[in-house]
Amino acid sequence: MTVEVPLWLLYDDEVEAWRGARTALVKAWFDVHNFKGEKHRVLLVPNSEGALQLAVGGLGKRQGSLSLWHGAGFVERLPPHRYRLAQQLSDFDATQLQLGFLYGAYRFERYRPAKGECAVILEPLPNADQHFVGAAAESLKLARDWINTPASDLGPAELAAAARKVAERHGATYQEWVGDELLSANFPAIHAVGRASAAAPRLVDLHWSPSAGEAPAAAGEWPRLTLVGKGVCFDSGGLDIKPGAGMALMKKDMGGAAVALSLANLIMHARLRVRLRVLVPAVENSVAGNAYRPGDVLTTRKGLTVEVGNTDAEGRLVLCDALALADAERPDLLIDFATLTGAARVALGPELPALFGSDEKMVADLARIAAAEHDPLWPMPLWGGYDDELGSKIADLNNVAASGFAGAIFGALFLKRFVTETPNWMHIDLYAWNPKDRPGRGVGAEAHAVRGVYRYLVGRYGVADR
């Protein structure tokens, strides 16, 4: 990969003007190949001696700014050379393009090496945000690697070890409660869901803030930001066991934890002006003689009793104990991430995580900023009129609703019962998987919401001096 090739990226409305300023050979080559700037179409233009003179990539119809998906989509379609961008881009577009090339070059190589090399765009693009690009590319790769790894190699202990490694890298404090320690520390729902597995359940707790040398906030301390991620490393459904097809992708049921930890890594790299806490309940929902049962009543950390209507609605049970712990501190902002409901996918498909929150303006602001970052989130209602559907005749509530409708809303309403002290709470129900091959993102793990939430947090809190 020694050749350096000029690369031009053109929207369809730029093609004719660009072509008109080129040599007769380039014009003729465009005409022969009828290149119109179609999105992700690549045209390789030779010189008079047959060697590669330049490459042109189509951006399709102009729809605002570039996204990382534009860059990611060219990685496999361009020959594996080194490319030099031959035009000036805005700071935002340059950042998106450079991150996109890195995102599109991702390969999951734990079990077999990738075949062939990828196209590389020469770094750095002069006006790209290099600090963000490097940290985001690393953070997104971490999340995708964790989600792609099967439960045989990423169970609760291994997920906790990954969280510890992230904490140690940034000087964060780390604590975990394992097995029966969960009972003595009053996390009974996490223990109940995970106790049937040979891999002990656990709760990971990470704390971090910018260096002590940074000046304190006006109120005397940084605002608290708490992230909670669902870490169900494999979900059999428990005694309400899933069919085989339903288990096929359940290695990704810890996608919420992967996103929370990936976002935390990015936050700590950037040194946001917050006191960060990350909570990850890490379990495997298994079948054994001591598995929790349909009809059991669990007493949660919050003190609420929950009748188990279905053991396959386990994510909200492990989250409720973690949310109760987080809520007791009354953080400025509490966000949980979870591959929680199939209903969210039925409503919105695999590309649009469902976004719920306690404040409509906060939700709208996050959705707007995430859309601008090309990492969309779709606001959904916390419709209180459905709350009584979670009722139980023998406990405070049931973990599933009596109705077969609005499953994503019911999941969010269940979690809301455990956030009573914190005014600013958001819940993101995501898929964490790309189910079809598309340019720059093949079938496999997807780190939804990391970039969009990060941009929102930077705007909300700012970045400490580096």
Protein backbone atom coordinates (compact mmCIF):
# COMPACT_ATOMS: atom_id res chain seq x y z
CA MET A 1 0.00 0.00 0.00
CA THR A 2 2.57 2.55 -1.16
CA VAL A 3 0.58 4.48 -3.79
CA GLU A 4 -0.87 7.82 -2.68
CA VAL A 5 -3.97 8.61 -4.71
CA PRO A 6 -5.84 11.94 -4.78
CA LEU A 7 -9.44 11.37 -3.74
CA TRP A 8 -12.32 13.67 -4.65
CA LEU A 9 -15.75 13.32 -3.04
CA LEU A 10 -18.62 14.82 -5.03
CA TYR A 11 -22.33 15.32 -4.48
CA ASP A 12 -24.42 14.65 -7.58
CA ASP A 13 -24.98 18.38 -8.12
CA GLU A 14 -21.19 19.00 -8.19
CA VAL A 15 -20.24 16.43 -10.81
CA GLU A 16 -20.75 18.49 -13.98
CA ALA A 17 -18.85 21.55 -12.75
CA TRP A 18 -15.98 19.40 -11.48
CA ARG A 19 -15.86 17.41 -14.72
CA GLY A 20 -15.85 20.62 -16.76
CA ALA A 21 -12.61 21.77 -15.12
CA ARG A 22 -10.73 18.53 -15.83
CA THR A 23 -8.55 17.34 -18.72
CA ALA A 24 -10.00 15.79 -21.87
CA LEU A 25 -8.93 12.33 -20.66
CA VAL A 26 -10.77 12.67 -17.36
CA LYS A 27 -13.86 14.04 -19.09
CA ALA A 28 -13.88 11.14 -21.52
CA TRP A 29 -13.50 8.64 -18.68
CA PHE A 30 -16.47 10.19 -16.87
CA ASP A 31 -18.55 9.98 -20.03
CA VAL A 32 -17.65 6.37 -20.74
CA HIS A 33 -18.58 5.30 -17.20
CA ASN A 34 -21.60 7.62 -16.91
CA PHE A 35 -20.57 8.67 -13.42
CA LYS A 36 -23.25 10.82 -11.79
CA GLY A 37 -22.05 11.00 -8.18
CA GLU A 38 -24.27 8.19 -6.91
CA LYS A 39 -23.74 7.55 -3.19
CA HIS A 40 -20.74 5.28 -2.53
CA ARG A 41 -20.08 4.72 -6.22
CA VAL A 42 -16.35 4.91 -6.97
CA LEU A 43 -14.71 5.89 -10.23
CA LEU A 44 -10.99 5.15 -10.71
CA VAL A 45 -9.42 7.41 -13.34
CA PRO A 46 -6.18 6.33 -15.06
CA ASN A 47 -3.58 8.60 -16.58
CA SER A 48 -2.40 8.34 -20.19
CA GLU A 49 -0.04 5.52 -19.23
CA GLY A 50 -2.72 3.44 -17.54
CA ALA A 51 -1.63 4.09 -13.94
CA LEU A 52 -4.14 5.26 -11.38
CA GLN A 53 -4.33 9.07 -11.57
CA LEU A 54 -7.15 9.85 -9.13
CA ALA A 55 -10.27 8.45 -7.53
CA VAL A 56 -13.71 10.00 -7.29
CA GLY A 57 -16.34 8.95 -4.77
CA GLY A 58 -20.01 9.78 -5.04
CA LEU A 59 -21.83 11.32 -2.08
CA GLY A 60 -25.30 11.10 -3.63
CA LYS A 61 -27.87 13.83 -3.13
CA ARG A 62 -26.87 16.73 -0.91
CA GLN A 63 -28.65 16.34 2.43
CA GLY A 64 -26.87 18.67 4.83
CA SER A 65 -23.51 17.67 6.26
CA LEU A 66 -21.41 14.61 5.64
CA SER A 67 -21.79 11.70 8.02
CA LEU A 68 -19.31 9.07 9.06
CA TRP A 69 -21.36 6.64 6.92
CA HIS A 70 -20.18 8.44 3.79
CA GLY A 71 -16.56 7.73 4.70
CA ALA A 72 -17.21 4.23 6.05
CA GLY A 73 -18.88 3.21 2.81
CA PHE A 74 -15.81 3.92 0.68
CA VAL A 75 -13.38 1.76 2.64
CA GLU A 76 -14.27 -1.51 0.93
CA ARG A 77 -15.13 -0.02 -2.44
CA LEU A 78 -11.83 1.75 -3.00
CA PRO A 79 -8.77 -0.33 -3.87
CA PRO A 80 -6.42 -0.76 -0.88
CA HIS A 81 -4.25 2.30 -1.46
CA ARG A 82 -3.44 5.35 0.64
CA TYR A 83 -5.68 8.25 -0.30
CA ARG A 84 -5.10 11.96 0.06
CA LEU A 85 -8.25 14.05 0.18
CA ALA A 86 -7.90 16.55 -2.66
CA GLN A 87 -10.43 19.12 -1.49
CA GLN A 88 -11.14 21.28 1.53
CA LEU A 89 -13.99 20.26 3.84
CA SER A 90 -15.62 21.98 6.77
CA ASP A 91 -14.31 21.05 10.21
CA PHE A 92 -17.40 18.94 10.88
CA ASP A 93 -17.30 17.12 7.53
CA ALA A 94 -13.57 16.42 7.86
CA THR A 95 -14.11 14.95 11.32
CA GLN A 96 -16.98 12.78 10.13
CA LEU A 97 -15.08 11.57 7.08
CA GLN A 98 -11.95 10.63 8.98
CA LEU A 99 -13.93 8.82 11.68
CA GLY A 100 -15.93 7.10 8.96
CA PHE A 101 -12.83 5.66 7.31
CA LEU A 102 -11.75 4.25 10.66
CA TYR A 103 -15.23 2.90 11.39
CA GLY A 104 -15.48 1.26 7.98
CA ALA A 105 -12.06 -0.38 8.43
CA TYR A 106 -13.27 -2.24 11.55
CA ARG A 107 -12.85 -6.01 11.45
CA PHE A 108 -13.67 -8.46 14.23
CA GLU A 109 -10.55 -10.63 14.23
CA ARG A 110 -10.68 -12.51 17.52
CA TYR A 111 -11.28 -15.87 15.87
CA ARG A 112 -9.89 -15.44 12.37
CA PRO A 113 -7.82 -12.79 10.62
CA ALA A 114 -9.45 -10.42 8.16
CA LYS A 115 -8.81 -11.02 4.48
CA GLY A 116 -7.00 -8.32 2.57
CA GLU A 117 -6.22 -4.71 3.35
CA CYS A 118 -8.47 -1.67 3.44
CA ALA A 119 -8.25 1.70 1.81
CA VAL A 120 -6.70 4.27 4.14
CA ILE A 121 -7.21 8.00 4.12
CA LEU A 122 -4.04 9.83 5.04
CA GLU A 123 -4.18 11.25 8.53
CA PRO A 124 -4.66 13.74 9.81
CA LEU A 125 -7.11 15.74 7.77
CA PRO A 126 -5.90 19.23 8.64
CA ASN A 127 -9.12 20.54 10.17
CA ALA A 128 -10.57 17.35 11.65
CA ASP A 129 -10.95 17.11 15.44
CA GLN A 130 -8.16 14.61 15.94
CA HIS A 131 -8.69 14.16 19.66
CA PHE A 132 -12.34 13.23 19.13
CA VAL A 133 -11.64 11.04 16.09
CA GLY A 134 -9.03 8.96 17.91
CA ALA A 135 -11.04 8.56 21.10
CA ALA A 136 -14.32 7.87 19.28
CA ALA A 137 -12.78 5.31 16.94
CA GLU A 138 -11.25 3.47 19.89
CA SER A 139 -14.43 3.64 21.97
CA LEU A 140 -16.66 2.43 19.14
CA LYS A 141 -14.28 -0.45 18.40
CA LEU A 142 -14.36 -1.50 22.05
CA ALA A 143 -18.15 -1.64 22.05
CA ARG A 144 -18.30 -3.57 18.78
CA ASP A 145 -15.68 -6.07 19.92
CA TRP A 146 -17.54 -6.71 23.19
CA ILE A 147 -20.91 -7.14 21.47
CA ASN A 148 -19.49 -9.41 18.76
CA THR A 149 -17.80 -11.71 21.29
CA PRO A 150 -19.89 -14.76 22.23
CA ALA A 151 -20.81 -15.50 25.82
CA SER A 152 -18.30 -18.36 25.96
CA ASP A 153 -15.58 -15.68 25.98
CA LEU A 154 -17.48 -12.69 27.36
CA GLY A 155 -19.56 -13.74 30.33
CA PRO A 156 -20.25 -11.66 33.44
CA ALA A 157 -16.68 -12.04 34.75
CA GLU A 158 -15.11 -11.06 31.43
CA LEU A 159 -17.45 -8.09 31.00
CA ALA A 160 -16.51 -6.93 34.48
CA ALA A 161 -12.83 -7.35 33.63
CA ALA A 162 -13.32 -5.19 30.53
CA ALA A 163 -14.95 -2.50 32.69
CA ARG A 164 -12.07 -2.70 35.16
CA LYS A 165 -9.58 -2.23 32.34
CA VAL A 166 -11.39 0.91 31.16
CA ALA A 167 -11.45 2.22 34.74
CA GLU A 168 -7.74 1.58 35.31
CA ARG A 169 -6.78 3.27 32.08
CA HIS A 170 -8.36 6.53 33.21
CA GLY A 171 -7.58 6.35 36.91
CA ALA A 172 -11.21 5.69 37.84
CA THR A 173 -12.14 3.83 41.02
CA TYR A 174 -13.65 0.40 40.54
CA GLN A 175 -15.80 -1.84 42.69
CA GLU A 176 -17.89 -4.93 42.08
CA TRP A 177 -20.22 -7.14 44.09
CA VAL A 178 -20.14 -10.81 43.04
CA GLY A 179 -22.47 -13.73 43.72
CA ASP A 180 -23.92 -13.75 47.23
CA GLU A 181 -22.28 -10.38 47.92
CA LEU A 182 -25.18 -9.00 45.92
CA LEU A 183 -27.59 -10.24 48.58
CA SER A 184 -25.66 -8.80 51.50
CA ALA A 185 -25.34 -5.48 49.64
CA ASN A 186 -29.08 -5.46 48.84
CA PHE A 187 -29.16 -6.14 45.09
CA PRO A 188 -31.63 -9.04 45.21
CA ALA A 189 -33.10 -8.71 41.71
CA ILE A 190 -29.69 -8.85 40.03
CA HIS A 191 -28.85 -11.93 42.07
CA ALA A 192 -32.16 -13.62 41.27
CA VAL A 193 -31.77 -13.23 37.52
CA GLY A 194 -28.15 -14.42 37.44
CA ARG A 195 -28.00 -17.07 40.15
CA ALA A 196 -28.79 -20.05 37.86
CA SER A 197 -25.67 -19.53 35.77
CA ALA A 198 -22.31 -21.14 36.48
CA ALA A 199 -20.92 -17.63 35.95
CA ALA A 200 -21.72 -15.65 39.09
CA PRO A 201 -23.79 -12.48 38.66
CA ARG A 202 -22.20 -9.19 39.62
CA LEU A 203 -22.66 -5.45 39.72
CA VAL A 204 -19.85 -3.22 38.45
CA ASP A 205 -19.48 0.31 39.86
CA LEU A 206 -17.03 2.80 38.30
CA HIS A 207 -16.37 6.37 39.56
CA TRP A 208 -14.34 9.09 37.81
CA SER A 209 -13.92 12.86 37.70
CA PRO A 210 -11.38 15.21 36.04
CA SER A 211 -8.06 15.65 37.78
CA ALA A 212 -7.94 17.22 41.21
CA GLY A 213 -5.99 20.15 39.77
CA GLU A 214 -9.01 21.37 37.85
CA ALA A 215 -10.90 24.26 39.43
CA PRO A 216 -14.17 23.21 41.09
CA ALA A 217 -17.56 24.15 39.74
CA ALA A 218 -19.28 27.23 41.16
CA ALA A 219 -21.46 25.07 43.41
CA GLY A 220 -18.38 23.50 44.93
CA GLU A 221 -18.38 20.24 42.97
CA TRP A 222 -18.88 18.87 39.48
CA PRO A 223 -22.40 17.77 38.53
CA ARG A 224 -23.04 14.05 38.79
CA LEU A 225 -23.60 12.06 35.60
CA THR A 226 -24.57 8.39 35.97
CA LEU A 227 -24.73 5.82 33.17
CA VAL A 228 -26.34 2.41 33.64
CA GLY A 229 -25.92 -0.38 31.09
CA LYS A 230 -27.77 -3.68 30.86
CA GLY A 231 -25.13 -6.41 30.93
CA VAL A 232 -27.02 -9.63 30.22
CA CYS A 233 -24.18 -11.55 28.60
CA PHE A 234 -26.49 -14.27 27.35
CA ASP A 235 -30.25 -14.55 27.61
CA SER A 236 -31.80 -18.00 27.30
CA GLY A 237 -35.09 -16.53 28.46
CA GLY A 238 -34.77 -18.46 31.72
CA LEU A 239 -37.58 -20.89 32.49
CA ASP A 240 -39.70 -19.00 29.95
CA ILE A 241 -37.10 -20.26 27.52
CA LYS A 242 -36.67 -18.73 24.09
CA PRO A 243 -36.87 -20.85 20.94
CA GLY A 244 -33.55 -21.58 19.28
CA ALA A 245 -33.96 -18.81 16.73
CA GLY A 246 -34.65 -16.36 19.53
CA MET A 247 -31.36 -17.22 21.23
CA ALA A 248 -29.19 -16.89 18.14
CA LEU A 249 -28.18 -13.28 18.80
CA MET A 250 -28.41 -13.24 22.58
CA LYS A 251 -24.69 -12.69 22.95
CA LYS A 252 -25.59 -9.07 22.10
CA ASP A 253 -27.96 -8.70 25.07
CA MET A 254 -25.15 -6.90 26.89
CA GLY A 255 -25.19 -4.20 24.22
CA GLY A 256 -26.43 -1.62 26.71
CA ALA A 257 -23.42 -2.25 28.94
CA ALA A 258 -21.09 -2.08 25.93
CA VAL A 259 -22.55 1.28 24.91
CA ALA A 260 -22.39 2.67 28.47
CA LEU A 261 -18.74 1.64 28.87
CA SER A 262 -17.82 2.87 25.39
CA LEU A 263 -19.43 6.23 26.14
CA ALA A 264 -17.66 6.35 29.50
CA ASN A 265 -14.33 5.74 27.78
CA LEU A 266 -15.04 8.65 25.42
CA ILE A 267 -16.15 10.92 28.29
CA MET A 268 -13.00 10.19 30.27
CA HIS A 269 -10.77 10.72 27.22
CA ALA A 270 -12.37 14.11 26.65
CA ARG A 271 -12.39 14.95 30.37
CA LEU A 272 -15.95 16.21 30.60
CA ARG A 273 -16.69 18.43 33.57
CA VAL A 274 -18.66 15.81 35.48
CA ARG A 275 -18.39 13.30 38.26
CA LEU A 276 -19.06 10.17 36.27
CA ARG A 277 -20.52 6.97 37.66
CA VAL A 278 -21.09 3.85 35.56
CA LEU A 279 -23.15 0.91 36.82
CA VAL A 280 -23.25 -2.40 34.95
CA PRO A 281 -25.28 -5.34 36.28
CA ALA A 282 -23.58 -8.29 34.56
CA VAL A 283 -25.47 -11.60 34.52
CA GLU A 284 -26.36 -14.59 32.41
CA ASN A 285 -30.05 -15.54 32.36
CA SER A 286 -29.82 -19.33 32.51
CA VAL A 287 -31.88 -22.42 33.30
CA ALA A 288 -31.10 -24.56 36.35
CA GLY A 289 -32.79 -25.95 39.45
CA ASN A 290 -32.26 -22.68 41.29
CA ALA A 291 -33.48 -20.42 38.46
CA TYR A 292 -36.04 -17.81 39.35
CA ARG A 293 -39.54 -18.78 38.26
CA PRO A 294 -42.66 -17.29 36.71
CA GLY A 295 -44.87 -16.32 39.61
CA ASP A 296 -42.01 -15.64 42.02
CA VAL A 297 -42.12 -12.34 43.88
CA LEU A 298 -38.83 -10.48 44.15
CA THR A 299 -38.12 -7.74 46.65
CA THR A 300 -35.96 -5.15 44.93
CA ARG A 301 -33.38 -2.73 46.29
CA LYS A 302 -35.99 0.04 46.09
CA GLY A 303 -38.24 -1.94 48.43
CA LEU A 304 -40.83 -2.50 45.71
CA THR A 305 -42.00 -6.09 45.27
CA VAL A 306 -42.16 -7.44 41.72
CA GLU A 307 -44.18 -10.43 40.59
CA VAL A 308 -42.34 -12.26 37.81
CA GLY A 309 -44.79 -12.53 34.95
CA ASN A 310 -42.10 -13.70 32.54
CA THR A 311 -38.48 -14.68 33.20
CA ASP A 312 -37.58 -13.48 29.70
CA ALA A 313 -38.21 -9.90 30.81
CA GLU A 314 -35.06 -10.06 32.88
CA GLY A 315 -33.32 -6.90 31.68
CA ARG A 316 -35.63 -4.59 33.57
CA LEU A 317 -35.10 -6.66 36.73
CA VAL A 318 -31.31 -6.30 36.72
CA LEU A 319 -31.62 -2.63 35.77
CA CYS A 320 -34.08 -1.80 38.54
CA ASP A 321 -31.58 -2.53 41.32
CA ALA A 322 -28.84 -0.55 39.56
CA LEU A 323 -31.21 2.36 38.89
CA ALA A 324 -32.30 2.41 42.53
CA LEU A 325 -28.65 2.67 43.60
CA ALA A 326 -28.01 5.47 41.11
CA ASP A 327 -31.22 7.31 41.98
CA ALA A 328 -30.35 7.52 45.67
CA GLU A 329 -27.52 9.95 44.78
CA ARG A 330 -29.85 12.26 42.83
CA PRO A 331 -27.40 12.80 39.95
CA ASP A 332 -27.86 15.77 37.67
CA LEU A 333 -28.50 13.31 34.84
CA LEU A 334 -29.14 9.56 34.81
CA ILE A 335 -29.15 7.64 31.51
CA ASP A 336 -29.66 3.91 31.09
CA PHE A 337 -28.93 1.91 27.94
CA ALA A 338 -30.47 -1.48 27.27
CA THR A 339 -31.37 -3.97 24.57
CA LEU A 340 -34.64 -4.10 26.44
CA THR A 341 -37.59 -4.92 24.19
CA GLY A 342 -38.34 -6.52 20.86
CA ALA A 343 -41.29 -4.15 20.75
CA ALA A 344 -38.95 -1.19 20.18
CA ARG A 345 -37.57 -2.97 17.11
CA VAL A 346 -41.06 -3.73 15.82
CA ALA A 347 -41.96 -0.06 16.17
CA LEU A 348 -38.74 1.54 14.94
CA GLY A 349 -36.60 -1.14 13.32
CA PRO A 350 -32.94 -1.91 14.08
CA GLU A 351 -31.47 1.51 13.22
CA LEU A 352 -33.53 3.76 15.51
CA PRO A 353 -33.11 3.36 19.27
CA ALA A 354 -36.18 4.37 21.25
CA LEU A 355 -35.62 7.33 23.57
CA PHE A 356 -37.70 7.93 26.68
CA GLY A 357 -37.18 10.59 29.32
CA SER A 358 -38.61 12.42 32.28
CA ASP A 359 -38.43 15.84 30.58
CA GLU A 360 -39.72 16.47 27.06
CA LYS A 361 -37.34 19.35 26.31
CA MET A 362 -34.32 17.29 27.41
CA VAL A 363 -35.45 14.41 25.19
CA ALA A 364 -36.04 16.75 22.24
CA ASP A 365 -32.60 18.36 22.70
CA LEU A 366 -30.85 15.01 22.74
CA ALA A 367 -32.78 13.78 19.69
CA ARG A 368 -31.89 16.95 17.77
CA ILE A 369 -28.19 16.79 18.63
CA ALA A 370 -27.99 13.04 17.94
CA ALA A 371 -29.60 13.56 14.52
CA ALA A 372 -27.03 16.23 13.67
CA GLU A 373 -24.31 13.74 14.62
CA HIS A 374 -25.96 11.14 12.32
CA ASP A 375 -26.55 8.87 15.30
CA PRO A 376 -30.36 9.10 15.52
CA LEU A 377 -32.58 8.47 18.54
CA TRP A 378 -36.38 8.51 18.29
CA PRO A 379 -38.43 10.08 21.11
CA MET A 380 -41.15 7.83 22.51
CA PRO A 381 -43.82 8.68 25.10
CA LEU A 382 -43.75 7.68 28.75
CA TRP A 383 -47.50 7.35 28.55
CA GLY A 384 -48.78 7.31 32.11
CA GLY A 385 -52.17 6.06 31.02
CA TYR A 386 -50.65 2.61 30.57
CA ASP A 387 -49.09 2.47 34.02
CA ASP A 388 -51.87 0.39 35.58
CA GLU A 389 -51.16 -2.42 33.10
CA LEU A 390 -48.11 -3.29 35.22
CA GLY A 391 -50.30 -4.08 38.21
CA SER A 392 -50.12 -7.29 40.24
CA LYS A 393 -52.69 -8.79 42.63
CA ILE A 394 -49.99 -9.91 45.08
CA ALA A 395 -47.07 -7.48 44.62
CA ASP A 396 -46.40 -3.80 43.95
CA LEU A 397 -46.04 -4.45 40.23
CA ASN A 398 -45.42 -7.11 37.60
CA ASN A 399 -42.38 -7.21 35.37
CA VAL A 400 -44.60 -7.55 32.27
CA ALA A 401 -47.87 -5.90 31.29
CA ALA A 402 -51.22 -7.56 30.96
CA SER A 403 -51.55 -6.02 27.49
CA GLY A 404 -49.74 -7.29 24.42
CA PHE A 405 -49.42 -3.76 23.04
CA ALA A 406 -46.85 -0.97 23.60
CA GLY A 407 -44.11 -3.25 24.97
CA ALA A 408 -41.34 -0.65 24.73
CA ILE A 409 -43.43 1.86 26.67
CA PHE A 410 -44.23 -0.71 29.35
CA GLY A 411 -40.53 -1.49 29.74
CA ALA A 412 -39.75 2.19 30.20
CA LEU A 413 -42.66 2.67 32.64
CA PHE A 414 -41.38 -0.24 34.72
CA LEU A 415 -37.93 1.36 34.99
CA LYS A 416 -39.47 4.72 35.80
CA ARG A 417 -40.86 3.24 39.05
CA PHE A 418 -37.27 2.96 40.29
CA VAL A 419 -36.23 6.53 39.45
CA THR A 420 -38.09 8.71 41.95
CA GLU A 421 -35.45 11.14 43.26
CA THR A 422 -33.63 12.11 40.05
CA PRO A 423 -35.47 14.73 37.97
CA ASN A 424 -33.44 14.18 34.77
CA TRP A 425 -33.58 10.57 33.59
CA MET A 426 -33.44 9.09 30.11
CA HIS A 427 -33.85 5.50 28.95
CA ILE A 428 -32.51 4.32 25.57
CA ASP A 429 -33.85 1.02 24.21
CA LEU A 430 -31.40 0.00 21.48
CA TYR A 431 -30.69 -3.00 19.27
CA ALA A 432 -26.85 -2.94 19.19
CA TRP A 433 -26.76 -4.93 15.97
CA ASN A 434 -26.73 -4.34 12.23
CA PRO A 435 -28.78 -7.14 10.63
CA LYS A 436 -27.83 -6.53 7.00
CA ASP A 437 -24.74 -5.71 4.97
CA ARG A 438 -24.47 -2.04 4.08
CA PRO A 439 -21.54 0.05 2.86
CA GLY A 440 -19.10 0.42 5.71
CA ARG A 441 -21.10 -1.59 8.23
CA GLY A 442 -21.45 -5.29 7.69
CA VAL A 443 -23.66 -7.62 9.68
CA GLY A 444 -22.60 -7.46 13.32
CA ALA A 445 -22.32 -5.24 16.35
CA GLU A 446 -23.43 -1.62 16.16
CA ALA A 447 -22.58 0.94 18.86
CA HIS A 448 -25.82 2.89 18.77
CA ALA A 449 -26.17 6.18 20.67
CA VAL A 450 -22.52 6.62 21.75
CA ARG A 451 -21.74 9.56 19.47
CA GLY A 452 -25.09 11.28 19.77
CA VAL A 453 -25.22 11.13 23.57
CA TYR A 454 -21.58 12.21 23.80
CA ARG A 455 -22.26 15.38 21.76
CA TYR A 456 -25.25 16.16 23.95
CA LEU A 457 -23.16 15.74 27.10
CA VAL A 458 -20.37 17.95 25.78
CA GLY A 459 -22.91 20.69 25.15
CA ARG A 460 -24.51 20.21 28.57
CA TYR A 461 -21.35 20.05 30.69
CA GLY A 462 -18.36 21.24 28.69
CA VAL A 463 -14.82 19.85 28.69
CA ALA A 464 -12.20 20.38 31.38
CA ASP A 465 -8.75 21.70 30.48
CA ARG A 466 -6.43 19.01 29.24
